[in-house]
Amino acid sequence: MPAVADAHGSKHPRNDWAAGLWSYLPAWILPKAAIIATAFLPVPVRMAVWIVALAWMGTACLVNARRCGRVHCRYTGPYYLALTVPVALVGTGVVEAGAYAWIILGALSVGGGYVITWATEAAWGRYEDTGNAP
């Protein structure tokens, strides 16, 4: 995996989708914007958009983890995918919940990944050590 230095001098693989704006935007920013934009729409619309956005982000994280070894992606991928379950349960009425449940789910959907990113990369670094570093 060829590495390039970013503005801070740290090395990252060229194929890290989370390292560049034009790959980060469609993979994570646009889905999060869709979650925010639909927060006050009718529940069936909100549920559908949120499930698609979370599945999109989760899949992008898992693919990115495989592509470049980004540490946080190993955790945020399953996290986003797992969040589709409570969204579906609340959205279909299987679990009775009020407006606060949607606020909490929205906050977890938009902000939870940032917390996981910070915590995992602070603990274990940005990339897995594959032994192939230059």
C-alpha atoms as a PDB file:
ATOM      1  CA  MET A   1       0.000   0.000   0.000  1.00  0.00           C
ATOM      2  CA  PRO A   2       1.723   3.206  -1.058  1.00  0.00           C
ATOM      3  CA  ALA A   3       1.636   5.898   1.593  1.00  0.00           C
ATOM      4  CA  VAL A   4       1.608   9.672   1.231  1.00  0.00           C
ATOM      5  CA  ALA A   5       2.149  12.346   3.861  1.00  0.00           C
ATOM      6  CA  ASP A   6      -0.829  14.530   4.744  1.00  0.00           C
ATOM      7  CA  ALA A   7      -0.651  18.151   5.904  1.00  0.00           C
ATOM      8  CA  HIS A   8       0.326  16.986   9.396  1.00  0.00           C
ATOM      9  CA  GLY A   9       3.134  14.786   8.162  1.00  0.00           C
ATOM     10  CA  SER A  10       1.463  11.499   9.070  1.00  0.00           C
ATOM     11  CA  LYS A  11       1.481   8.720   6.531  1.00  0.00           C
ATOM     12  CA  HIS A  12      -1.747   7.330   5.142  1.00  0.00           C
ATOM     13  CA  PRO A  13      -2.495   4.959   2.310  1.00  0.00           C
ATOM     14  CA  ARG A  14      -3.678   6.574  -0.908  1.00  0.00           C
ATOM     15  CA  ASN A  15      -6.785   4.416  -0.922  1.00  0.00           C
ATOM     16  CA  ASP A  16      -8.195   5.664   2.403  1.00  0.00           C
ATOM     17  CA  TRP A  17     -11.644   7.048   1.640  1.00  0.00           C
ATOM     18  CA  ALA A  18     -11.740   8.823   5.018  1.00  0.00           C
ATOM     19  CA  ALA A  19      -8.607  10.842   4.236  1.00  0.00           C
ATOM     20  CA  GLY A  20      -9.919  12.885   1.313  1.00  0.00           C
ATOM     21  CA  LEU A  21     -12.882  15.250   1.019  1.00  0.00           C
ATOM     22  CA  TRP A  22     -14.117  13.924  -2.322  1.00  0.00           C
ATOM     23  CA  SER A  23     -14.340  10.367  -1.042  1.00  0.00           C
ATOM     24  CA  TYR A  24     -15.431  11.305   2.489  1.00  0.00           C
ATOM     25  CA  LEU A  25     -18.289  13.492   1.251  1.00  0.00           C
ATOM     26  CA  PRO A  26     -20.426  10.812  -0.475  1.00  0.00           C
ATOM     27  CA  ALA A  27     -19.510   8.059   1.961  1.00  0.00           C
ATOM     28  CA  TRP A  28     -20.223   9.850   5.251  1.00  0.00           C
ATOM     29  CA  ILE A  29     -21.130  13.550   5.017  1.00  0.00           C
ATOM     30  CA  LEU A  30     -24.059  13.216   2.597  1.00  0.00           C
ATOM     31  CA  PRO A  31     -25.677  10.327   4.515  1.00  0.00           C
ATOM     32  CA  LYS A  32     -25.353  12.269   7.769  1.00  0.00           C
ATOM     33  CA  ALA A  33     -26.842  15.340   6.061  1.00  0.00           C
ATOM     34  CA  ALA A  34     -29.750  13.163   4.881  1.00  0.00           C
ATOM     35  CA  ILE A  35     -30.330  11.998   8.460  1.00  0.00           C
ATOM     36  CA  ILE A  36     -30.421  15.583   9.703  1.00  0.00           C
ATOM     37  CA  ALA A  37     -32.582  16.778   6.790  1.00  0.00           C
ATOM     38  CA  THR A  38     -35.225  14.116   7.384  1.00  0.00           C
ATOM     39  CA  ALA A  39     -35.317  14.354  11.176  1.00  0.00           C
ATOM     40  CA  PHE A  40     -38.733  16.020  11.184  1.00  0.00           C
ATOM     41  CA  LEU A  41     -40.337  14.239   8.244  1.00  0.00           C
ATOM     42  CA  PRO A  42     -43.009  11.574   8.771  1.00  0.00           C
ATOM     43  CA  VAL A  43     -41.724   8.487  10.575  1.00  0.00           C
ATOM     44  CA  PRO A  44     -41.903   6.074   7.586  1.00  0.00           C
ATOM     45  CA  VAL A  45     -39.821   8.446   5.430  1.00  0.00           C
ATOM     46  CA  ARG A  46     -37.400   9.171   8.258  1.00  0.00           C
ATOM     47  CA  MET A  47     -36.981   5.475   9.020  1.00  0.00           C
ATOM     48  CA  ALA A  48     -36.328   4.556   5.389  1.00  0.00           C
ATOM     49  CA  VAL A  49     -33.793   7.336   4.823  1.00  0.00           C
ATOM     50  CA  TRP A  50     -32.000   6.660   8.096  1.00  0.00           C
ATOM     51  CA  ILE A  51     -31.741   2.927   7.466  1.00  0.00           C
ATOM     52  CA  VAL A  52     -30.341   3.478   3.976  1.00  0.00           C
ATOM     53  CA  ALA A  53     -27.909   6.151   5.227  1.00  0.00           C
ATOM     54  CA  LEU A  54     -26.695   4.009   8.130  1.00  0.00           C
ATOM     55  CA  ALA A  55     -26.306   0.922   5.933  1.00  0.00           C
ATOM     56  CA  TRP A  56     -24.425   3.037   3.362  1.00  0.00           C
ATOM     57  CA  MET A  57     -22.036   4.436   5.978  1.00  0.00           C
ATOM     58  CA  GLY A  58     -21.548   1.065   7.658  1.00  0.00           C
ATOM     59  CA  THR A  59     -20.737  -0.622   4.375  1.00  0.00           C
ATOM     60  CA  ALA A  60     -18.380   2.200   3.382  1.00  0.00           C
ATOM     61  CA  CYS A  61     -16.562   1.835   6.714  1.00  0.00           C
ATOM     62  CA  LEU A  62     -16.134  -1.914   6.363  1.00  0.00           C
ATOM     63  CA  VAL A  63     -14.904  -1.596   2.773  1.00  0.00           C
ATOM     64  CA  ASN A  64     -12.533   1.198   3.786  1.00  0.00           C
ATOM     65  CA  ALA A  65     -11.165  -0.864   6.680  1.00  0.00           C
ATOM     66  CA  ARG A  66     -10.392  -3.640   4.232  1.00  0.00           C
ATOM     67  CA  ARG A  67      -8.927  -1.263   1.625  1.00  0.00           C
ATOM     68  CA  CYS A  68      -6.500   0.627   3.827  1.00  0.00           C
ATOM     69  CA  GLY A  69      -6.548  -0.715   7.384  1.00  0.00           C
ATOM     70  CA  ARG A  70      -8.125   2.389   8.920  1.00  0.00           C
ATOM     71  CA  VAL A  71      -8.538   1.420  12.570  1.00  0.00           C
ATOM     72  CA  HIS A  72     -11.779   3.220  13.402  1.00  0.00           C
ATOM     73  CA  CYS A  73     -13.554   1.790  10.351  1.00  0.00           C
ATOM     74  CA  ARG A  74     -13.422  -1.689  11.908  1.00  0.00           C
ATOM     75  CA  TYR A  75     -15.640  -0.348  14.691  1.00  0.00           C
ATOM     76  CA  THR A  76     -17.775   2.304  13.006  1.00  0.00           C
ATOM     77  CA  GLY A  77     -18.857  -0.095  10.248  1.00  0.00           C
ATOM     78  CA  PRO A  78     -20.597  -2.549  12.575  1.00  0.00           C
ATOM     79  CA  TYR A  79     -21.802   0.365  14.717  1.00  0.00           C
ATOM     80  CA  TYR A  80     -23.666   2.024  11.841  1.00  0.00           C
ATOM     81  CA  LEU A  81     -25.060  -1.298  10.656  1.00  0.00           C
ATOM     82  CA  ALA A  82     -26.221  -2.144  14.184  1.00  0.00           C
ATOM     83  CA  LEU A  83     -27.988   1.225  14.490  1.00  0.00           C
ATOM     84  CA  THR A  84     -30.331   0.201  11.675  1.00  0.00           C
ATOM     85  CA  VAL A  85     -31.995  -2.235  14.104  1.00  0.00           C
ATOM     86  CA  PRO A  86     -33.253   0.290  16.694  1.00  0.00           C
ATOM     87  CA  VAL A  87     -34.213   2.699  13.906  1.00  0.00           C
ATOM     88  CA  ALA A  88     -36.313  -0.040  12.306  1.00  0.00           C
ATOM     89  CA  LEU A  89     -37.813  -1.128  15.638  1.00  0.00           C
ATOM     90  CA  VAL A  90     -38.794   2.407  16.630  1.00  0.00           C
ATOM     91  CA  GLY A  91     -39.872   3.331  13.104  1.00  0.00           C
ATOM     92  CA  THR A  92     -42.199   0.355  12.702  1.00  0.00           C
ATOM     93  CA  GLY A  93     -43.654   0.764  16.189  1.00  0.00           C
ATOM     94  CA  VAL A  94     -42.380  -2.588  17.451  1.00  0.00           C
ATOM     95  CA  VAL A  95     -40.741  -0.585  20.221  1.00  0.00           C
ATOM     96  CA  GLU A  96     -42.949   2.198  21.537  1.00  0.00           C
ATOM     97  CA  ALA A  97     -40.913   5.358  21.889  1.00  0.00           C
ATOM     98  CA  GLY A  98     -41.513   9.056  21.805  1.00  0.00           C
ATOM     99  CA  ALA A  99     -39.738  11.935  20.132  1.00  0.00           C
ATOM    100  CA  TYR A 100     -36.783  11.625  22.482  1.00  0.00           C
ATOM    101  CA  ALA A 101     -35.970   8.214  21.035  1.00  0.00           C
ATOM    102  CA  TRP A 102     -35.607   9.789  17.598  1.00  0.00           C
ATOM    103  CA  ILE A 103     -33.433  12.559  19.003  1.00  0.00           C
ATOM    104  CA  ILE A 104     -31.181   9.988  20.666  1.00  0.00           C
ATOM    105  CA  LEU A 105     -31.029   7.819  17.535  1.00  0.00           C
ATOM    106  CA  GLY A 106     -30.226  10.889  15.429  1.00  0.00           C
ATOM    107  CA  ALA A 107     -27.458  11.974  17.791  1.00  0.00           C
ATOM    108  CA  LEU A 108     -26.008   8.458  17.816  1.00  0.00           C
ATOM    109  CA  SER A 109     -26.232   8.260  14.026  1.00  0.00           C
ATOM    110  CA  VAL A 110     -24.565  11.601  13.370  1.00  0.00           C
ATOM    111  CA  GLY A 111     -22.200  11.917  16.326  1.00  0.00           C
ATOM    112  CA  GLY A 112     -21.453   8.382  17.455  1.00  0.00           C
ATOM    113  CA  GLY A 113     -19.017   7.670  14.655  1.00  0.00           C
ATOM    114  CA  TYR A 114     -16.939  10.710  15.583  1.00  0.00           C
ATOM    115  CA  VAL A 115     -16.663   9.502  19.178  1.00  0.00           C
ATOM    116  CA  ILE A 116     -15.664   6.016  18.055  1.00  0.00           C
ATOM    117  CA  THR A 117     -13.133   7.467  15.607  1.00  0.00           C
ATOM    118  CA  TRP A 118     -11.527   9.634  18.261  1.00  0.00           C
ATOM    119  CA  ALA A 119     -11.436   6.882  20.896  1.00  0.00           C
ATOM    120  CA  THR A 120     -10.104   4.070  18.718  1.00  0.00           C
ATOM    121  CA  GLU A 121      -7.515   6.121  16.877  1.00  0.00           C
ATOM    122  CA  ALA A 122      -6.328   7.724  20.114  1.00  0.00           C
ATOM    123  CA  ALA A 123      -5.862   4.253  21.577  1.00  0.00           C
ATOM    124  CA  TRP A 124      -4.517   2.308  18.588  1.00  0.00           C
ATOM    125  CA  GLY A 125      -3.448   4.837  15.965  1.00  0.00           C
ATOM    126  CA  ARG A 126      -4.930   5.698  12.606  1.00  0.00           C
ATOM    127  CA  TYR A 127      -3.920   2.606  10.622  1.00  0.00           C
ATOM    128  CA  GLU A 128      -3.314  -1.013  11.444  1.00  0.00           C
ATOM    129  CA  ASP A 129       0.334  -1.909  11.585  1.00  0.00           C
ATOM    130  CA  THR A 130       0.669  -4.332   8.706  1.00  0.00           C
ATOM    131  CA  GLY A 131       4.437  -4.443   8.813  1.00  0.00           C
ATOM    132  CA  ASN A 132       4.572  -2.974   5.285  1.00  0.00           C
ATOM    133  CA  ALA A 133       5.105   0.641   6.328  1.00  0.00           C
ATOM    134  CA  PRO A 134       7.865   2.473   4.442  1.00  0.00           C
END
